[in-house]
Amino acid sequence: MSNWTIQHRVFAVDSYTKHEGVVHVHRSFRQRFGDNRGRESVSTRKTILSWVNKWRESGLVCNVKRTGLMKTIHIPESIERVRTALQQSLTRSA
């Protein structure tokens, strides 16, 4: 299941940091939330570790949607390439 709640994610990260093991997370997750979700009752090892890494790096366990424009890096090579392209074609607008 792809829609894990914040409560599920926080519980998994907290359980992992207390016991440093994915197996313990699976067991405690089943005890806490039950096994009523079928095969997807517990998240995969890869997902749990990605939540833990995300929490350690950013302090967040949820996906943050990025807003705004992407930052542009101006390197001298690309600036010069644009400058020469504009000089060669007089019909292009800067």
PDB file of N, CA and C in Angstrom:
ATOM      1  N   MET A   1       0.849  -1.172   0.000  1.00  0.00           N
ATOM      2  CA  MET A   1       0.000   0.000   0.000  1.00  0.00           C
ATOM      3  C   MET A   1       0.891   1.229   0.000  1.00  0.00           C
ATOM      4  N   SER A   2       0.593   2.171  -0.809  1.00  0.00           N
ATOM      5  CA  SER A   2       1.478   3.309  -0.955  1.00  0.00           C
ATOM      6  C   SER A   2       1.121   4.460  -0.033  1.00  0.00           C
ATOM      7  N   ASN A   3      -0.071   4.458   0.547  1.00  0.00           N
ATOM      8  CA  ASN A   3      -0.492   5.583   1.371  1.00  0.00           C
ATOM      9  C   ASN A   3      -0.371   5.250   2.862  1.00  0.00           C
ATOM     10  N   TRP A   4       0.821   5.324   3.355  1.00  0.00           N
ATOM     11  CA  TRP A   4       1.036   5.123   4.772  1.00  0.00           C
ATOM     12  C   TRP A   4       0.796   6.452   5.469  1.00  0.00           C
ATOM     13  N   THR A   5       0.106   6.409   6.604  1.00  0.00           N
ATOM     14  CA  THR A   5      -0.178   7.642   7.329  1.00  0.00           C
ATOM     15  C   THR A   5       1.073   8.107   8.068  1.00  0.00           C
ATOM     16  N   ILE A   6       1.037   9.357   8.492  1.00  0.00           N
ATOM     17  CA  ILE A   6       2.143   9.902   9.279  1.00  0.00           C
ATOM     18  C   ILE A   6       2.304   9.100  10.566  1.00  0.00           C
ATOM     19  N   GLN A   7       1.183   8.687  11.159  1.00  0.00           N
ATOM     20  CA  GLN A   7       1.238   7.890  12.383  1.00  0.00           C
ATOM     21  C   GLN A   7       1.999   6.585  12.158  1.00  0.00           C
ATOM     22  N   HIS A   8       1.741   5.917  11.034  1.00  0.00           N
ATOM     23  CA  HIS A   8       2.452   4.673  10.720  1.00  0.00           C
ATOM     24  C   HIS A   8       3.938   4.936  10.533  1.00  0.00           C
ATOM     25  N   ARG A   9       4.273   5.988   9.797  1.00  0.00           N
ATOM     26  CA  ARG A   9       5.681   6.286   9.517  1.00  0.00           C
ATOM     27  C   ARG A   9       6.449   6.661  10.780  1.00  0.00           C
ATOM     28  N   VAL A  10       5.839   7.505  11.610  1.00  0.00           N
ATOM     29  CA  VAL A  10       6.504   7.912  12.853  1.00  0.00           C
ATOM     30  C   VAL A  10       6.709   6.709  13.763  1.00  0.00           C
ATOM     31  N   PHE A  11       5.701   5.848  13.853  1.00  0.00           N
ATOM     32  CA  PHE A  11       5.837   4.649  14.678  1.00  0.00           C
ATOM     33  C   PHE A  11       6.976   3.771  14.175  1.00  0.00           C
ATOM     34  N   ALA A  12       7.061   3.579  12.857  1.00  0.00           N
ATOM     35  CA  ALA A  12       8.112   2.738  12.284  1.00  0.00           C
ATOM     36  C   ALA A  12       9.493   3.330  12.540  1.00  0.00           C
ATOM     37  N   VAL A  13       9.648   4.637  12.349  1.00  0.00           N
ATOM     38  CA  VAL A  13      10.948   5.277  12.579  1.00  0.00           C
ATOM     39  C   VAL A  13      11.313   5.226  14.052  1.00  0.00           C
ATOM     40  N   ASP A  14      10.348   5.493  14.926  1.00  0.00           N
ATOM     41  CA  ASP A  14      10.603   5.458  16.363  1.00  0.00           C
ATOM     42  C   ASP A  14      10.989   4.055  16.812  1.00  0.00           C
ATOM     43  N   SER A  15      10.284   3.059  16.327  1.00  0.00           N
ATOM     44  CA  SER A  15      10.587   1.675  16.688  1.00  0.00           C
ATOM     45  C   SER A  15      11.963   1.270  16.170  1.00  0.00           C
ATOM     46  N   TYR A  16      12.296   1.700  14.959  1.00  0.00           N
ATOM     47  CA  TYR A  16      13.605   1.359  14.392  1.00  0.00           C
ATOM     48  C   TYR A  16      14.727   2.008  15.197  1.00  0.00           C
ATOM     49  N   THR A  17      14.568   3.273  15.563  1.00  0.00           N
ATOM     50  CA  THR A  17      15.644   3.957  16.293  1.00  0.00           C
ATOM     51  C   THR A  17      15.813   3.403  17.704  1.00  0.00           C
ATOM     52  N   LYS A  18      14.762   2.874  18.282  1.00  0.00           N
ATOM     53  CA  LYS A  18      14.880   2.288  19.614  1.00  0.00           C
ATOM     54  C   LYS A  18      15.594   0.944  19.576  1.00  0.00           C
ATOM     55  N   HIS A  19      15.337   0.147  18.545  1.00  0.00           N
ATOM     56  CA  HIS A  19      15.831  -1.230  18.524  1.00  0.00           C
ATOM     57  C   HIS A  19      16.760  -1.550  17.365  1.00  0.00           C
ATOM     58  N   GLU A  20      16.960  -0.599  16.433  1.00  0.00           N
ATOM     59  CA  GLU A  20      17.876  -0.769  15.294  1.00  0.00           C
ATOM     60  C   GLU A  20      17.628  -2.058  14.515  1.00  0.00           C
ATOM     61  N   GLY A  21      16.392  -2.338  14.242  1.00  0.00           N
ATOM     62  CA  GLY A  21      16.119  -3.535  13.474  1.00  0.00           C
ATOM     63  C   GLY A  21      14.779  -3.487  12.772  1.00  0.00           C
ATOM     64  N   VAL A  22      14.769  -3.879  11.526  1.00  0.00           N
ATOM     65  CA  VAL A  22      13.536  -3.879  10.744  1.00  0.00           C
ATOM     66  C   VAL A  22      12.608  -4.990  11.204  1.00  0.00           C
ATOM     67  N   VAL A  23      13.167  -6.123  11.625  1.00  0.00           N
ATOM     68  CA  VAL A  23      12.337  -7.238  12.085  1.00  0.00           C
ATOM     69  C   VAL A  23      11.521  -6.807  13.301  1.00  0.00           C
ATOM     70  N   HIS A  24      12.147  -6.085  14.216  1.00  0.00           N
ATOM     71  CA  HIS A  24      11.426  -5.593  15.387  1.00  0.00           C
ATOM     72  C   HIS A  24      10.326  -4.606  14.964  1.00  0.00           C
ATOM     73  N   VAL A  25      10.608  -3.787  13.971  1.00  0.00           N
ATOM     74  CA  VAL A  25       9.594  -2.850  13.468  1.00  0.00           C
ATOM     75  C   VAL A  25       8.394  -3.623  12.940  1.00  0.00           C
ATOM     76  N   HIS A  26       8.647  -4.687  12.175  1.00  0.00           N
ATOM     77  CA  HIS A  26       7.543  -5.488  11.639  1.00  0.00           C
ATOM     78  C   HIS A  26       6.694  -6.091  12.760  1.00  0.00           C
ATOM     79  N   ARG A  27       7.353  -6.668  13.752  1.00  0.00           N
ATOM     80  CA  ARG A  27       6.624  -7.300  14.852  1.00  0.00           C
ATOM     81  C   ARG A  27       5.812  -6.280  15.641  1.00  0.00           C
ATOM     82  N   SER A  28       6.453  -5.185  16.031  1.00  0.00           N
ATOM     83  CA  SER A  28       5.748  -4.187  16.842  1.00  0.00           C
ATOM     84  C   SER A  28       4.658  -3.479  16.037  1.00  0.00           C
ATOM     85  N   PHE A  29       4.869  -3.336  14.734  1.00  0.00           N
ATOM     86  CA  PHE A  29       3.856  -2.721  13.876  1.00  0.00           C
ATOM     87  C   PHE A  29       2.600  -3.585  13.835  1.00  0.00           C
ATOM     88  N   ARG A  30       2.779  -4.902  13.693  1.00  0.00           N
ATOM     89  CA  ARG A  30       1.630  -5.813  13.676  1.00  0.00           C
ATOM     90  C   ARG A  30       0.885  -5.793  15.012  1.00  0.00           C
ATOM     91  N   GLN A  31       1.642  -5.730  16.115  1.00  0.00           N
ATOM     92  CA  GLN A  31       1.019  -5.690  17.429  1.00  0.00           C
ATOM     93  C   GLN A  31       0.229  -4.403  17.625  1.00  0.00           C
ATOM     94  N   ARG A  32       0.778  -3.298  17.144  1.00  0.00           N
ATOM     95  CA  ARG A  32       0.144  -1.994  17.354  1.00  0.00           C
ATOM     96  C   ARG A  32      -1.062  -1.768  16.438  1.00  0.00           C
ATOM     97  N   PHE A  33      -0.902  -2.060  15.156  1.00  0.00           N
ATOM     98  CA  PHE A  33      -1.928  -1.725  14.185  1.00  0.00           C
ATOM     99  C   PHE A  33      -2.731  -2.933  13.697  1.00  0.00           C
ATOM    100  N   GLY A  34      -2.373  -4.129  14.136  1.00  0.00           N
ATOM    101  CA  GLY A  34      -3.093  -5.322  13.713  1.00  0.00           C
ATOM    102  C   GLY A  34      -2.621  -5.793  12.348  1.00  0.00           C
ATOM    103  N   ASP A  35      -3.115  -6.930  11.950  1.00  0.00           N
ATOM    104  CA  ASP A  35      -2.699  -7.522  10.683  1.00  0.00           C
ATOM    105  C   ASP A  35      -3.873  -7.546   9.713  1.00  0.00           C
ATOM    106  N   ASN A  36      -4.679  -6.492   9.730  1.00  0.00           N
ATOM    107  CA  ASN A  36      -5.886  -6.474   8.920  1.00  0.00           C
ATOM    108  C   ASN A  36      -5.661  -5.885   7.526  1.00  0.00           C
ATOM    109  N   ARG A  37      -4.439  -5.580   7.164  1.00  0.00           N
ATOM    110  CA  ARG A  37      -4.168  -4.995   5.856  1.00  0.00           C
ATOM    111  C   ARG A  37      -3.677  -6.039   4.861  1.00  0.00           C
ATOM    112  N   GLY A  38      -3.728  -7.311   5.221  1.00  0.00           N
ATOM    113  CA  GLY A  38      -3.310  -8.370   4.304  1.00  0.00           C
ATOM    114  C   GLY A  38      -1.803  -8.414   4.144  1.00  0.00           C
ATOM    115  N   ARG A  39      -1.338  -8.698   2.918  1.00  0.00           N
ATOM    116  CA  ARG A  39       0.098  -8.817   2.661  1.00  0.00           C
ATOM    117  C   ARG A  39       0.826  -7.517   2.941  1.00  0.00           C
ATOM    118  N   GLU A  40       0.135  -6.411   2.794  1.00  0.00           N
ATOM    119  CA  GLU A  40       0.778  -5.112   2.952  1.00  0.00           C
ATOM    120  C   GLU A  40       0.559  -4.559   4.350  1.00  0.00           C
ATOM    121  N   SER A  41       0.449  -5.457   5.343  1.00  0.00           N
ATOM    122  CA  SER A  41       0.199  -4.998   6.699  1.00  0.00           C
ATOM    123  C   SER A  41       1.404  -4.279   7.282  1.00  0.00           C
ATOM    124  N   VAL A  42       2.579  -4.574   6.775  1.00  0.00           N
ATOM    125  CA  VAL A  42       3.798  -3.930   7.242  1.00  0.00           C
ATOM    126  C   VAL A  42       4.585  -3.492   6.019  1.00  0.00           C
ATOM    127  N   SER A  43       5.167  -2.335   6.129  1.00  0.00           N
ATOM    128  CA  SER A  43       5.939  -1.812   5.010  1.00  0.00           C
ATOM    129  C   SER A  43       7.196  -2.647   4.786  1.00  0.00           C
ATOM    130  N   THR A  44       7.774  -2.531   3.608  1.00  0.00           N
ATOM    131  CA  THR A  44       8.968  -3.301   3.274  1.00  0.00           C
ATOM    132  C   THR A  44      10.196  -2.743   3.970  1.00  0.00           C
ATOM    133  N   ARG A  45      11.226  -3.543   4.006  1.00  0.00           N
ATOM    134  CA  ARG A  45      12.497  -3.136   4.602  1.00  0.00           C
ATOM    135  C   ARG A  45      13.032  -1.884   3.934  1.00  0.00           C
ATOM    136  N   LYS A  46      12.958  -1.851   2.615  1.00  0.00           N
ATOM    137  CA  LYS A  46      13.464  -0.705   1.857  1.00  0.00           C
ATOM    138  C   LYS A  46      12.711   0.575   2.224  1.00  0.00           C
ATOM    139  N   THR A  47      11.406   0.483   2.360  1.00  0.00           N
ATOM    140  CA  THR A  47      10.605   1.654   2.709  1.00  0.00           C
ATOM    141  C   THR A  47      10.906   2.134   4.116  1.00  0.00           C
ATOM    142  N   ILE A  48      11.004   1.214   5.049  1.00  0.00           N
ATOM    143  CA  ILE A  48      11.304   1.593   6.433  1.00  0.00           C
ATOM    144  C   ILE A  48      12.661   2.281   6.508  1.00  0.00           C
ATOM    145  N   LEU A  49      13.665   1.720   5.835  1.00  0.00           N
ATOM    146  CA  LEU A  49      14.992   2.334   5.862  1.00  0.00           C
ATOM    147  C   LEU A  49      15.004   3.690   5.174  1.00  0.00           C
ATOM    148  N   SER A  50      14.184   3.866   4.140  1.00  0.00           N
ATOM    149  CA  SER A  50      14.128   5.178   3.491  1.00  0.00           C
ATOM    150  C   SER A  50      13.473   6.200   4.411  1.00  0.00           C
ATOM    151  N   TRP A  51      12.458   5.801   5.186  1.00  0.00           N
ATOM    152  CA  TRP A  51      11.851   6.712   6.154  1.00  0.00           C
ATOM    153  C   TRP A  51      12.865   7.099   7.227  1.00  0.00           C
ATOM    154  N   VAL A  52      13.638   6.125   7.699  1.00  0.00           N
ATOM    155  CA  VAL A  52      14.638   6.395   8.737  1.00  0.00           C
ATOM    156  C   VAL A  52      15.710   7.342   8.199  1.00  0.00           C
ATOM    157  N   ASN A  53      16.206   7.081   6.990  1.00  0.00           N
ATOM    158  CA  ASN A  53      17.226   7.959   6.403  1.00  0.00           C
ATOM    159  C   ASN A  53      16.687   9.359   6.170  1.00  0.00           C
ATOM    160  N   LYS A  54      15.450   9.456   5.696  1.00  0.00           N
ATOM    161  CA  LYS A  54      14.839  10.765   5.470  1.00  0.00           C
ATOM    162  C   LYS A  54      14.700  11.518   6.785  1.00  0.00           C
ATOM    163  N   TRP A  55      14.318  10.802   7.852  1.00  0.00           N
ATOM    164  CA  TRP A  55      14.173  11.441   9.154  1.00  0.00           C
ATOM    165  C   TRP A  55      15.524  11.910   9.690  1.00  0.00           C
ATOM    166  N   ARG A  56      16.548  11.090   9.497  1.00  0.00           N
ATOM    167  CA  ARG A  56      17.879  11.473   9.977  1.00  0.00           C
ATOM    168  C   ARG A  56      18.441  12.659   9.212  1.00  0.00           C
ATOM    169  N   GLU A  57      18.150  12.757   7.919  1.00  0.00           N
ATOM    170  CA  GLU A  57      18.681  13.839   7.096  1.00  0.00           C
ATOM    171  C   GLU A  57      17.900  15.130   7.244  1.00  0.00           C
ATOM    172  N   SER A  58      16.558  15.030   7.300  1.00  0.00           N
ATOM    173  CA  SER A  58      15.756  16.251   7.261  1.00  0.00           C
ATOM    174  C   SER A  58      14.844  16.448   8.464  1.00  0.00           C
ATOM    175  N   GLY A  59      14.698  15.427   9.290  1.00  0.00           N
ATOM    176  CA  GLY A  59      13.781  15.536  10.416  1.00  0.00           C
ATOM    177  C   GLY A  59      12.330  15.318  10.020  1.00  0.00           C
ATOM    178  N   LEU A  60      12.091  14.848   8.794  1.00  0.00           N
ATOM    179  CA  LEU A  60      10.742  14.617   8.291  1.00  0.00           C
ATOM    180  C   LEU A  60      10.574  13.156   7.900  1.00  0.00           C
ATOM    181  N   VAL A  61       9.352  12.656   8.021  1.00  0.00           N
ATOM    182  CA  VAL A  61       9.074  11.298   7.553  1.00  0.00           C
ATOM    183  C   VAL A  61       8.095  11.309   6.387  1.00  0.00           C
ATOM    184  N   CYS A  62       7.585  12.470   6.054  1.00  0.00           N
ATOM    185  CA  CYS A  62       6.631  12.553   4.952  1.00  0.00           C
ATOM    186  C   CYS A  62       7.312  13.154   3.729  1.00  0.00           C
ATOM    187  N   ASN A  63       6.689  12.947   2.581  1.00  0.00           N
ATOM    188  CA  ASN A  63       7.207  13.521   1.354  1.00  0.00           C
ATOM    189  C   ASN A  63       6.806  14.991   1.286  1.00  0.00           C
ATOM    190  N   VAL A  64       7.767  15.837   1.003  1.00  0.00           N
ATOM    191  CA  VAL A  64       7.505  17.267   0.913  1.00  0.00           C
ATOM    192  C   VAL A  64       7.429  17.642  -0.560  1.00  0.00           C
ATOM    193  N   LYS A  65       6.319  18.243  -0.935  1.00  0.00           N
ATOM    194  CA  LYS A  65       6.181  18.688  -2.312  1.00  0.00           C
ATOM    195  C   LYS A  65       6.964  19.979  -2.488  1.00  0.00           C
ATOM    196  N   ARG A  66       7.761  20.007  -3.525  1.00  0.00           N
ATOM    197  CA  ARG A  66       8.571  21.189  -3.792  1.00  0.00           C
ATOM    198  C   ARG A  66       7.727  22.200  -4.558  1.00  0.00           C
ATOM    199  N   THR A  67       7.846  23.444  -4.135  1.00  0.00           N
ATOM    200  CA  THR A  67       7.114  24.505  -4.806  1.00  0.00           C
ATOM    201  C   THR A  67       8.099  25.519  -5.347  1.00  0.00           C
ATOM    202  N   GLY A  68       7.651  26.290  -6.283  1.00  0.00           N
ATOM    203  CA  GLY A  68       8.501  27.334  -6.833  1.00  0.00           C
ATOM    204  C   GLY A  68       9.321  26.846  -8.006  1.00  0.00           C
ATOM    205  N   LEU A  69      10.130  27.733  -8.498  1.00  0.00           N
ATOM    206  CA  LEU A  69      10.966  27.434  -9.649  1.00  0.00           C
ATOM    207  C   LEU A  69      12.227  26.701  -9.237  1.00  0.00           C
ATOM    208  N   MET A  70      12.744  25.920 -10.151  1.00  0.00           N
ATOM    209  CA  MET A  70      14.012  25.248  -9.920  1.00  0.00           C
ATOM    210  C   MET A  70      15.134  26.278  -9.998  1.00  0.00           C
ATOM    211  N   LYS A  71      16.126  26.124  -9.182  1.00  0.00           N
ATOM    212  CA  LYS A  71      17.268  27.030  -9.222  1.00  0.00           C
ATOM    213  C   LYS A  71      18.131  26.699 -10.424  1.00  0.00           C
ATOM    214  N   THR A  72      18.615  27.724 -11.063  1.00  0.00           N
ATOM    215  CA  THR A  72      19.454  27.557 -12.235  1.00  0.00           C
ATOM    216  C   THR A  72      20.894  27.867 -11.854  1.00  0.00           C
ATOM    217  N   ILE A  73      21.790  27.037 -12.324  1.00  0.00           N
ATOM    218  CA  ILE A  73      23.204  27.253 -12.071  1.00  0.00           C
ATOM    219  C   ILE A  73      23.804  27.884 -13.322  1.00  0.00           C
ATOM    220  N   HIS A  74      24.441  29.027 -13.142  1.00  0.00           N
ATOM    221  CA  HIS A  74      25.065  29.720 -14.269  1.00  0.00           C
ATOM    222  C   HIS A  74      26.559  29.415 -14.259  1.00  0.00           C
ATOM    223  N   ILE A  75      26.968  28.583 -15.196  1.00  0.00           N
ATOM    224  CA  ILE A  75      28.390  28.296 -15.310  1.00  0.00           C
ATOM    225  C   ILE A  75      28.922  29.034 -16.532  1.00  0.00           C
ATOM    226  N   PRO A  76      30.165  29.415 -16.495  1.00  0.00           N
ATOM    227  CA  PRO A  76      30.727  30.227 -17.584  1.00  0.00           C
ATOM    228  C   PRO A  76      30.572  29.588 -18.967  1.00  0.00           C
ATOM    229  N   GLU A  77      30.673  28.256 -19.057  1.00  0.00           N
ATOM    230  CA  GLU A  77      30.560  27.601 -20.358  1.00  0.00           C
ATOM    231  C   GLU A  77      29.165  27.786 -20.959  1.00  0.00           C
ATOM    232  N   SER A  78      28.142  27.624 -20.147  1.00  0.00           N
ATOM    233  CA  SER A  78      26.786  27.768 -20.683  1.00  0.00           C
ATOM    234  C   SER A  78      26.465  29.226 -20.991  1.00  0.00           C
ATOM    235  N   ILE A  79      26.982  30.149 -20.213  1.00  0.00           N
ATOM    236  CA  ILE A  79      26.766  31.568 -20.489  1.00  0.00           C
ATOM    237  C   ILE A  79      27.404  31.940 -21.819  1.00  0.00           C
ATOM    238  N   GLU A  80      28.606  31.470 -22.047  1.00  0.00           N
ATOM    239  CA  GLU A  80      29.298  31.769 -23.299  1.00  0.00           C
ATOM    240  C   GLU A  80      28.588  31.114 -24.485  1.00  0.00           C
ATOM    241  N   ARG A  81      28.084  29.910 -24.302  1.00  0.00           N
ATOM    242  CA  ARG A  81      27.374  29.222 -25.374  1.00  0.00           C
ATOM    243  C   ARG A  81      26.108  29.992 -25.769  1.00  0.00           C
ATOM    244  N   VAL A  82      25.378  30.513 -24.817  1.00  0.00           N
ATOM    245  CA  VAL A  82      24.176  31.293 -25.104  1.00  0.00           C
ATOM    246  C   VAL A  82      24.549  32.612 -25.761  1.00  0.00           C
ATOM    247  N   ARG A  83      25.608  33.225 -25.276  1.00  0.00           N
ATOM    248  CA  ARG A  83      26.054  34.501 -25.845  1.00  0.00           C
ATOM    249  C   ARG A  83      26.420  34.352 -27.329  1.00  0.00           C
ATOM    250  N   THR A  84      27.157  33.308 -27.666  1.00  0.00           N
ATOM    251  CA  THR A  84      27.536  33.117 -29.071  1.00  0.00           C
ATOM    252  C   THR A  84      26.333  32.751 -29.928  1.00  0.00           C
ATOM    253  N   ALA A  85      25.386  31.983 -29.392  1.00  0.00           N
ATOM    254  CA  ALA A  85      24.185  31.641 -30.150  1.00  0.00           C
ATOM    255  C   ALA A  85      23.371  32.889 -30.451  1.00  0.00           C
ATOM    256  N   LEU A  86      23.289  33.807 -29.499  1.00  0.00           N
ATOM    257  CA  LEU A  86      22.537  35.038 -29.716  1.00  0.00           C
ATOM    258  C   LEU A  86      23.252  35.953 -30.721  1.00  0.00           C
ATOM    259  N   GLN A  87      24.553  35.967 -30.658  1.00  0.00           N
ATOM    260  CA  GLN A  87      25.307  36.831 -31.598  1.00  0.00           C
ATOM    261  C   GLN A  87      25.234  36.289 -33.032  1.00  0.00           C
ATOM    262  N   GLN A  88      25.173  34.984 -33.169  1.00  0.00           N
ATOM    263  CA  GLN A  88      25.133  34.397 -34.517  1.00  0.00           C
ATOM    264  C   GLN A  88      23.755  34.531 -35.153  1.00  0.00           C
ATOM    265  N   SER A  89      22.709  34.556 -34.373  1.00  0.00           N
ATOM    266  CA  SER A  89      21.369  34.646 -34.921  1.00  0.00           C
ATOM    267  C   SER A  89      20.737  35.951 -34.462  1.00  0.00           C
ATOM    268  N   LEU A  90      20.587  36.890 -35.368  1.00  0.00           N
ATOM    269  CA  LEU A  90      20.046  38.191 -35.014  1.00  0.00           C
ATOM    270  C   LEU A  90      18.527  38.162 -34.831  1.00  0.00           C
ATOM    271  N   THR A  91      17.866  37.061 -35.246  1.00  0.00           N
ATOM    272  CA  THR A  91      16.419  36.990 -35.110  1.00  0.00           C
ATOM    273  C   THR A  91      15.987  36.498 -33.732  1.00  0.00           C
ATOM    274  N   ARG A  92      16.914  35.968 -32.958  1.00  0.00           N
ATOM    275  CA  ARG A  92      16.594  35.513 -31.613  1.00  0.00           C
ATOM    276  C   ARG A  92      16.554  36.694 -30.667  1.00  0.00           C
ATOM    277  N   SER A  93      15.636  36.611 -29.719  1.00  0.00           N
ATOM    278  CA  SER A  93      15.521  37.661 -28.735  1.00  0.00           C
ATOM    279  C   SER A  93      16.163  37.205 -27.428  1.00  0.00           C
ATOM    280  N   ALA A  94      16.831  38.088 -26.787  1.00  0.00           N
ATOM    281  CA  ALA A  94      17.443  37.779 -25.508  1.00  0.00           C
ATOM    282  C   ALA A  94      16.399  37.879 -24.430  1.00  0.00           C
TER     283      ALA A  94
END
